[in-house]
Protein backbone atom coordinates (compact mmCIF):
# COMPACT_ATOMS: atom_id res chain seq x y z
CA UNK A 1 129.86 -49.37 51.90
CA UNK A 2 129.00 -51.71 54.73
CA UNK A 3 131.53 -51.75 57.57
CA UNK A 4 131.71 -54.93 59.63
CA UNK A 5 131.53 -54.65 63.41
CA UNK A 6 134.52 -56.99 63.67
CA UNK A 7 136.64 -54.58 61.62
CA UNK A 8 135.58 -51.66 63.81
CA UNK A 9 136.51 -53.64 66.92
CA UNK A 10 139.87 -54.60 65.39
CA UNK A 11 140.66 -50.95 64.58
CA UNK A 12 139.59 -49.86 68.05
CA UNK A 13 141.95 -52.42 69.58
CA UNK A 14 144.81 -51.25 67.35
CA UNK A 15 144.38 -47.53 67.98
CA UNK A 16 142.36 -47.08 71.16
CA UNK A 17 140.03 -44.70 69.31
CA UNK A 18 136.27 -44.61 69.94
CA UNK A 19 133.89 -46.91 68.08
CA UNK A 20 132.35 -44.13 65.98
CA UNK A 21 135.77 -42.69 65.12
CA UNK A 22 136.87 -46.15 63.99
CA UNK A 23 133.74 -46.69 61.94
CA UNK A 24 134.05 -43.27 60.30
CA UNK A 25 137.74 -43.85 59.54
CA UNK A 26 136.99 -47.23 57.92
CA UNK A 27 134.17 -45.68 55.91
CA UNK A 28 136.45 -42.87 54.69
CA UNK A 29 139.16 -45.42 53.88
CA UNK A 30 136.64 -47.62 52.04
CA UNK A 31 137.43 -50.53 54.32
CA UNK A 32 141.22 -50.29 54.00
CA UNK A 33 142.48 -51.08 57.52
CA UNK A 34 145.94 -49.47 57.21
CA UNK A 35 144.47 -46.36 55.60
CA UNK A 36 141.96 -46.12 58.46
CA UNK A 37 144.79 -46.23 61.00
CA UNK A 38 146.50 -43.41 59.09
CA UNK A 39 143.30 -41.35 59.13
CA UNK A 40 142.98 -41.73 62.90
CA UNK A 41 146.62 -40.76 63.43
CA UNK A 42 146.29 -37.70 61.19
CA UNK A 43 143.22 -36.69 63.17
CA UNK A 44 145.31 -36.97 66.33
CA UNK A 45 147.98 -34.70 64.85
CA UNK A 46 145.39 -32.12 63.85
CA UNK A 47 143.83 -32.06 67.30
CA UNK A 48 147.27 -31.94 68.93
CA UNK A 49 148.17 -28.88 66.84
CA UNK A 50 144.90 -27.16 67.80
CA UNK A 51 145.46 -27.81 71.50
CA UNK A 52 149.19 -27.05 71.58
CA UNK A 53 148.62 -23.78 73.44
CA UNK A 54 146.33 -25.30 76.05
CA UNK A 55 147.53 -25.88 79.60
CA UNK A 56 147.88 -29.51 80.66
CA UNK A 57 148.20 -29.18 84.43
CA UNK A 58 146.45 -32.38 85.48
CA UNK A 59 147.76 -35.89 85.01
CA UNK A 60 149.63 -38.61 86.87
CA UNK A 61 153.05 -39.00 88.50
CA UNK A 62 154.11 -42.64 88.50
CA UNK A 63 157.24 -44.41 89.74
CA UNK A 64 158.44 -48.00 89.55
CA UNK A 65 161.45 -50.04 90.66
CA UNK A 66 163.08 -52.88 88.71
CA UNK A 67 162.71 -56.47 89.92
CA UNK A 68 166.29 -56.52 91.22
CA UNK A 69 165.54 -53.32 93.20
CA UNK A 70 168.58 -51.51 91.78
CA UNK A 71 166.93 -49.15 89.27
CA UNK A 72 163.95 -46.84 89.38
CA UNK A 73 162.08 -44.61 86.96
CA UNK A 74 159.54 -41.82 87.45
CA UNK A 75 157.41 -40.05 84.86
CA UNK A 76 154.72 -37.40 84.70
CA UNK A 77 152.09 -37.63 81.97
CA UNK A 78 149.90 -34.53 81.84
CA UNK A 79 146.40 -33.90 80.54
CA UNK A 80 143.94 -31.03 80.83
CA UNK A 81 141.33 -32.39 83.25
CA UNK A 82 141.24 -34.51 86.38
CA UNK A 83 138.49 -36.59 84.75
CA UNK A 84 140.94 -37.85 82.12
CA UNK A 85 143.74 -38.25 84.69
CA UNK A 86 141.57 -40.73 86.60
CA UNK A 87 140.61 -42.69 83.49
CA UNK A 88 141.93 -46.27 83.49
CA UNK A 89 143.07 -46.11 79.87
CA UNK A 90 145.07 -42.91 80.50
CA UNK A 91 146.76 -44.48 83.54
CA UNK A 92 147.45 -47.64 81.53
CA UNK A 93 149.07 -45.56 78.78
CA UNK A 94 151.24 -43.74 81.32
CA UNK A 95 152.20 -47.10 82.84
CA UNK A 96 153.34 -48.35 79.42
CA UNK A 97 155.66 -45.37 79.12
CA UNK A 98 156.92 -45.89 82.68
CA UNK A 99 157.69 -49.55 82.01
CA UNK A 100 159.55 -48.59 78.84
CA UNK A 101 161.57 -46.00 80.77
CA UNK A 102 162.50 -48.53 83.43
CA UNK A 103 163.54 -51.13 80.85
CA UNK A 104 165.72 -48.70 78.89
CA UNK A 105 166.82 -46.08 81.47
CA UNK A 106 167.17 -43.36 78.79
CA UNK A 107 169.50 -40.40 79.29
CA UNK A 108 166.76 -37.79 79.62
CA UNK A 109 163.16 -36.85 78.79
CA UNK A 110 163.83 -36.27 75.10
CA UNK A 111 165.54 -39.65 74.82
CA UNK A 112 162.49 -41.27 76.43
CA UNK A 113 160.16 -39.57 73.93
CA UNK A 114 162.27 -40.97 71.09
CA UNK A 115 162.16 -44.59 72.33
CA UNK A 116 160.27 -47.19 70.34
CA UNK A 117 156.95 -48.23 71.86
CA UNK A 118 155.09 -50.90 69.91
CA UNK A 119 156.67 -49.87 66.62
CA UNK A 120 156.51 -46.09 66.95
CA UNK A 121 158.15 -43.37 69.00
CA UNK A 122 156.63 -42.53 72.37
CA UNK A 123 155.98 -38.95 71.22
CA UNK A 124 153.97 -40.27 68.25
CA UNK A 125 151.78 -42.29 70.61
CA UNK A 126 151.25 -39.18 72.73
CA UNK A 127 150.07 -37.23 69.67
CA UNK A 128 147.71 -40.06 68.79
CA UNK A 129 146.32 -40.14 72.34
CA UNK A 130 145.65 -36.40 72.11
CA UNK A 131 143.41 -37.11 69.13
CA UNK A 132 141.69 -40.04 70.81
CA UNK A 133 141.10 -38.35 74.16
CA UNK A 134 140.51 -34.84 72.82
CA UNK A 135 142.79 -33.16 75.37
CA UNK A 136 146.38 -32.01 75.24
CA UNK A 137 148.62 -34.85 76.44
CA UNK A 138 152.20 -34.08 77.43
CA UNK A 139 155.02 -36.20 78.81
CA UNK A 140 156.60 -33.44 80.90
CA UNK A 141 158.93 -35.13 83.39
CA UNK A 142 161.27 -38.10 83.63
CA UNK A 143 163.83 -39.03 86.26
CA UNK A 144 165.68 -42.19 87.16
CA UNK A 145 167.63 -43.73 90.01
CA UNK A 146 170.33 -46.31 90.56
CA UNK A 147 171.14 -47.65 94.04
CA UNK A 148 172.02 -50.82 95.87
CA UNK A 149 168.36 -51.01 96.92
CA UNK A 150 165.60 -48.69 95.70
CA UNK A 151 161.98 -48.23 96.78
CA UNK A 152 159.16 -46.31 95.10
CA UNK A 153 155.97 -44.91 96.57
CA UNK A 154 152.97 -43.53 94.66
CA UNK A 155 150.60 -41.51 96.82
CA UNK A 156 146.87 -42.10 96.50
CA UNK A 157 145.49 -40.28 93.47
CA UNK A 158 148.70 -40.57 91.43
CA UNK A 159 149.63 -36.89 91.89
CA UNK A 160 152.79 -37.47 93.93
CA UNK A 161 155.55 -40.08 93.81
CA UNK A 162 158.88 -40.64 95.52
CA UNK A 163 161.87 -42.92 95.01
CA UNK A 164 164.46 -43.59 97.71
CA UNK A 165 167.82 -45.30 97.18
CA UNK A 166 169.66 -47.04 100.02
CA UNK A 167 173.27 -48.14 100.37
CA UNK A 168 172.34 -51.76 101.09
CA UNK A 169 169.51 -54.27 100.88
CA UNK A 170 166.85 -53.69 103.53
CA UNK A 171 163.45 -54.82 104.67
CA UNK A 172 160.95 -53.51 102.15
CA UNK A 173 158.73 -51.99 104.86
CA UNK A 174 161.60 -49.82 106.09
CA UNK A 175 162.12 -48.56 102.57
CA UNK A 176 158.43 -47.84 102.14
CA UNK A 177 158.35 -45.98 105.45
CA UNK A 178 161.12 -43.65 104.29
CA UNK A 179 159.58 -43.20 100.83
CA UNK A 180 156.28 -42.23 102.49
CA UNK A 181 158.17 -39.85 104.80
CA UNK A 182 159.62 -38.09 101.77
CA UNK A 183 156.15 -37.84 100.26
CA UNK A 184 154.58 -36.42 103.42
CA UNK A 185 157.33 -34.07 104.61
CA UNK A 186 158.75 -32.68 101.34
CA UNK A 187 162.46 -32.74 102.24
CA UNK A 188 164.67 -30.61 100.00
CA UNK A 189 167.75 -32.82 100.46
CA UNK A 190 168.88 -36.09 102.01
CA UNK A 191 171.15 -34.49 104.64
CA UNK A 192 172.53 -31.05 105.47
CA UNK A 193 175.64 -31.73 103.39
CA UNK A 194 173.42 -32.03 100.32
CA UNK A 195 171.78 -28.62 100.70
CA UNK A 196 172.81 -26.05 98.10
CA UNK A 197 175.42 -23.60 99.39
CA UNK A 198 173.51 -20.58 98.07
CA UNK A 199 170.41 -21.67 99.94
CA UNK A 200 172.42 -22.07 103.16
CA UNK A 201 173.85 -18.57 102.75
CA UNK A 202 170.35 -17.21 102.15
CA UNK A 203 168.97 -18.93 105.27
CA UNK A 204 171.85 -17.54 107.38
CA UNK A 205 171.16 -14.05 106.10
CA UNK A 206 167.44 -14.42 106.80
CA UNK A 207 168.25 -15.66 110.30
CA UNK A 208 170.48 -12.65 111.01
CA UNK A 209 167.97 -10.18 109.60
CA UNK A 210 165.18 -11.64 111.70
CA UNK A 211 167.31 -11.55 114.86
CA UNK A 212 168.30 -7.96 114.11
CA UNK A 213 164.64 -6.96 113.76
CA UNK A 214 163.97 -8.64 117.10
CA UNK A 215 166.54 -6.32 118.65
CA UNK A 216 169.21 -8.93 119.35
CA UNK A 217 172.79 -7.66 119.92
CA UNK A 218 174.87 -7.48 116.73
CA UNK A 219 177.55 -9.70 118.29
CA UNK A 220 174.96 -12.47 118.77
CA UNK A 221 173.51 -12.46 115.25
CA UNK A 222 175.82 -15.10 113.77
CA UNK A 223 175.24 -17.52 116.63
CA UNK A 224 171.47 -17.03 116.47
CA UNK A 225 171.48 -17.50 112.70
CA UNK A 226 173.45 -20.74 113.04
CA UNK A 227 170.89 -22.02 115.54
CA UNK A 228 168.06 -21.22 113.17
CA UNK A 229 169.96 -22.90 110.34
CA UNK A 230 170.21 -26.07 112.44
CA UNK A 231 166.43 -25.98 112.87
CA UNK A 232 166.05 -25.46 109.12
CA UNK A 233 168.17 -28.55 108.45
CA UNK A 234 166.10 -30.60 110.90
CA UNK A 235 162.86 -29.60 109.25
CA UNK A 236 163.91 -29.87 105.61
CA UNK A 237 166.49 -32.67 105.28
CA UNK A 238 165.22 -36.23 105.15
CA UNK A 239 167.62 -37.94 107.58
CA UNK A 240 167.26 -35.20 110.20
CA UNK A 241 163.48 -34.90 110.11
CA UNK A 242 161.40 -36.36 112.92
CA UNK A 243 160.18 -39.75 111.75
CA UNK A 244 156.47 -39.41 111.00
CA UNK A 245 155.56 -42.82 112.44
CA UNK A 246 157.51 -42.15 115.65
CA UNK A 247 158.47 -38.52 116.27
CA UNK A 248 160.66 -39.47 119.23
CA UNK A 249 163.38 -40.37 116.73
CA UNK A 250 164.73 -38.98 113.48
CA UNK A 251 164.66 -40.84 110.18
CA UNK A 252 168.40 -41.43 110.56
CA UNK A 253 167.87 -43.00 113.99
CA UNK A 254 165.07 -45.15 112.59
CA UNK A 255 167.42 -46.49 109.90
CA UNK A 256 170.44 -47.04 112.13
CA UNK A 257 168.19 -48.78 114.63
CA UNK A 258 167.76 -51.45 111.98
CA UNK A 259 171.37 -51.42 110.75
CA UNK A 260 174.05 -49.06 112.04
CA UNK A 261 175.47 -48.58 108.52
CA UNK A 262 172.17 -48.10 106.72
CA UNK A 263 171.56 -44.74 105.07
CA UNK A 264 169.86 -43.02 102.13
CA UNK A 265 172.04 -42.31 99.10
CA UNK A 266 169.45 -41.05 96.60
CA UNK A 267 166.07 -39.33 96.72
CA UNK A 268 163.60 -38.31 94.02
CA UNK A 269 160.28 -36.60 94.67
CA UNK A 270 157.81 -35.05 92.24
CA UNK A 271 154.31 -33.69 92.63
CA UNK A 272 151.75 -32.05 90.37
CA UNK A 273 150.65 -29.85 93.27
CA UNK A 274 153.96 -28.01 93.78
């Protein structure tokens, strides 16, 4: 039967599938639009099943803050190749999921996958996109933030994002500076009080072992290890790091220089290149 170009275009708009896939689906469905949509979705499921064991290590990490600056959401949508990760339609699809996450602030990743997106669950859309794109697509990460004032930063290339929460409203540039600091310097915690106790114990033990190998007196090992721990805190905790834009001051000093009570209360950072 003859398939009209307008019907192919309509199906393409509804599904995002390629022109030939849409034409073939309409031909198989004998012009029935709903049946053609079903055919395309079944194709997506079949391809998804075939590619289930593939590794999807490329993709995008996106973050966004609500208009009132009090909530933030971050997601990672994976694919198999960097070519797809850079595709505008893939980024647009990931952005749809991010916006949905920010609007609903679901409890966790599984709750996000179960949310309704344009009439179907997010996970169903992901399966369909696998069929359309021809690569394994996986929503692998979701995190959220609540703070008095939150800022998000997406590094060029969409492989790394950060979100920083502050205890009060601030100038947006200050927030961006700190979010970029977290992206560049990979802090493991906001301050030394937020570092895991097991990690602290491990660092102290490493410090003592290193000093012992250097031939330091046994009575001095604890003091030396504490000094090295202080250096560890300075290098790995956000507020104690040297501020990248002015290394004569720490991030904490940069913040208190603007407002003596200003501090960071939440930090999220995720990268595909970990």
